C-alpha atoms as a PDB file:
ATOM      1  CA  MET A   1       6.573  11.782  11.137  1.00  0.00           C
ATOM      2  CA  SER A   2       4.832  10.362   8.154  1.00  0.00           C
ATOM      3  CA  SER A   3       3.782   6.753   8.372  1.00  0.00           C
ATOM      4  CA  SER A   4       3.528   6.348   4.590  1.00  0.00           C
ATOM      5  CA  ARG A   5       6.133   4.143   2.984  1.00  0.00           C
ATOM      6  CA  THR A   6       6.896   4.622  -0.650  1.00  0.00           C
ATOM      7  CA  ALA A   7       9.299   3.074  -3.104  1.00  0.00           C
ATOM      8  CA  THR A   8      12.498   5.006  -3.588  1.00  0.00           C
ATOM      9  CA  VAL A   9      13.204   6.434  -7.033  1.00  0.00           C
ATOM     10  CA  THR A  10      16.054   4.605  -8.816  1.00  0.00           C
ATOM     11  CA  MET A  11      17.961   6.021 -11.781  1.00  0.00           C
ATOM     12  CA  SER A  12      20.896   4.926 -13.895  1.00  0.00           C
ATOM     13  CA  ARG A  13      24.426   6.094 -13.094  1.00  0.00           C
ATOM     14  CA  ALA A  14      24.488   8.155 -16.323  1.00  0.00           C
ATOM     15  CA  GLU A  15      21.194   9.866 -15.475  1.00  0.00           C
ATOM     16  CA  TYR A  16      22.435  10.543 -11.928  1.00  0.00           C
ATOM     17  CA  GLU A  17      25.656  12.135 -13.265  1.00  0.00           C
ATOM     18  CA  ARG A  18      23.596  14.412 -15.554  1.00  0.00           C
ATOM     19  CA  CYS A  19      21.430  15.447 -12.588  1.00  0.00           C
ATOM     20  CA  VAL A  20      24.512  16.139 -10.444  1.00  0.00           C
ATOM     21  CA  HIS A  21      25.927  18.327 -13.228  1.00  0.00           C
ATOM     22  CA  ARG A  22      22.669  20.325 -13.269  1.00  0.00           C
ATOM     23  CA  GLY A  23      22.517  20.576  -9.451  1.00  0.00           C
ATOM     24  CA  LEU A  24      19.488  18.291  -9.196  1.00  0.00           C
ATOM     25  CA  ALA A  25      21.136  15.410  -7.294  1.00  0.00           C
ATOM     26  CA  GLY A  26      24.036  14.653  -4.996  1.00  0.00           C
ATOM     27  CA  PRO A  27      25.438  12.523  -2.203  1.00  0.00           C
ATOM     28  CA  ALA A  28      23.351  12.230   0.966  1.00  0.00           C
ATOM     29  CA  PRO A  29      26.147  13.504   3.282  1.00  0.00           C
ATOM     30  CA  MET A  30      25.583  16.954   1.719  1.00  0.00           C
ATOM     31  CA  ILE A  31      22.270  17.113   3.614  1.00  0.00           C
ATOM     32  CA  GLU A  32      23.218  18.419   7.032  1.00  0.00           C
ATOM     33  CA  ASP A  33      19.786  18.040   8.648  1.00  0.00           C
ATOM     34  CA  SER A  34      19.895  14.600  10.257  1.00  0.00           C
ATOM     35  CA  ALA A  35      16.128  14.750  10.844  1.00  0.00           C
ATOM     36  CA  VAL A  36      15.638  14.605   7.064  1.00  0.00           C
ATOM     37  CA  ILE A  37      17.892  11.553   6.751  1.00  0.00           C
ATOM     38  CA  THR A  38      16.158   9.870   9.707  1.00  0.00           C
ATOM     39  CA  ARG A  39      12.730  10.478   8.174  1.00  0.00           C
ATOM     40  CA  TRP A  40      13.833   9.201   4.774  1.00  0.00           C
ATOM     41  CA  ARG A  41      15.183   6.015   6.367  1.00  0.00           C
ATOM     42  CA  ALA A  42      11.838   5.478   8.126  1.00  0.00           C
ATOM     43  CA  ASP A  43       9.673   6.282   5.083  1.00  0.00           C
ATOM     44  CA  HIS A  44      11.885   4.575   2.470  1.00  0.00           C
ATOM     45  CA  PRO A  45      13.263   1.322   3.916  1.00  0.00           C
ATOM     46  CA  ASP A  46      14.645   0.369   0.478  1.00  0.00           C
ATOM     47  CA  TRP A  47      16.806   3.536   0.313  1.00  0.00           C
ATOM     48  CA  ARG A  48      20.522   2.709   0.365  1.00  0.00           C
ATOM     49  CA  GLY A  49      21.313   5.994   2.130  1.00  0.00           C
ATOM     50  CA  ARG A  50      23.772   7.387  -0.390  1.00  0.00           C
ATOM     51  CA  TYR A  51      22.050   9.855  -2.731  1.00  0.00           C
ATOM     52  CA  TRP A  52      19.294  12.449  -3.024  1.00  0.00           C
ATOM     53  CA  ALA A  53      17.604  14.106  -6.011  1.00  0.00           C
ATOM     54  CA  TYR A  54      14.957  16.624  -6.850  1.00  0.00           C
ATOM     55  CA  THR A  55      12.128  14.751  -8.557  1.00  0.00           C
ATOM     56  CA  GLU A  56       9.230  16.364 -10.373  1.00  0.00           C
ATOM     57  CA  THR A  57       5.667  15.730  -9.229  1.00  0.00           C
ATOM     58  CA  ASP A  58       2.674  15.436 -11.586  1.00  0.00           C
ATOM     59  CA  ASP A  59       1.983  19.159 -11.131  1.00  0.00           C
ATOM     60  CA  GLY A  60       5.572  20.171 -12.005  1.00  0.00           C
ATOM     61  CA  VAL A  61       6.848  20.839  -8.483  1.00  0.00           C
ATOM     62  CA  LEU A  62      10.389  19.688  -7.641  1.00  0.00           C
ATOM     63  CA  ARG A  63      10.607  17.739  -4.370  1.00  0.00           C
ATOM     64  CA  LEU A  64      13.761  16.707  -2.527  1.00  0.00           C
ATOM     65  CA  ARG A  65      13.687  12.906  -2.245  1.00  0.00           C
ATOM     66  CA  PRO A  66      16.003  10.024  -1.412  1.00  0.00           C
ATOM     67  CA  LEU A  67      17.481   8.324  -4.462  1.00  0.00           C
ATOM     68  CA  ASN A  68      19.017   4.981  -5.310  1.00  0.00           C
ATOM     69  CA  VAL A  69      21.465   4.811  -8.200  1.00  0.00           C
ATOM     70  CA  ALA A  70      21.298   1.591 -10.198  1.00  0.00           C
ATOM     71  CA  ARG A  71      24.376  -0.540  -9.972  1.00  0.00           C
ATOM     72  CA  THR A  72      26.391  -0.886 -13.152  1.00  0.00           C
ATOM     73  CA  THR A  73      26.313  -4.368 -14.621  1.00  0.00           C
ATOM     74  CA  ARG A  74      29.457  -5.918 -16.060  1.00  0.00           C
ATOM     75  CA  SER A  75      28.138  -5.657 -19.623  1.00  0.00           C
ATOM     76  CA  GLN A  76      27.443  -1.926 -19.146  1.00  0.00           C
ATOM     77  CA  ALA A  77      30.864  -1.335 -17.582  1.00  0.00           C
ATOM     78  CA  ALA A  78      32.621  -3.090 -20.486  1.00  0.00           C
ATOM     79  CA  ALA A  79      30.814  -1.032 -23.141  1.00  0.00           C
END
């Protein structure tokens, strides 16, 4: 297991929905390999455990990563 701890990517609800539509994100229960979830929890203690996404690295490679979706504020929900 990796001992590196990194901040979890966070995106807006709208951005998450666009990624889901394109097949680039989804709910964490879709990942059947519990070893992946266990590793993510160890490496990303700030991960809420609900979502994943493919994120692009600097060299253009897509990597499967844990994802937090930003909570909607009341002003955003009313708009």
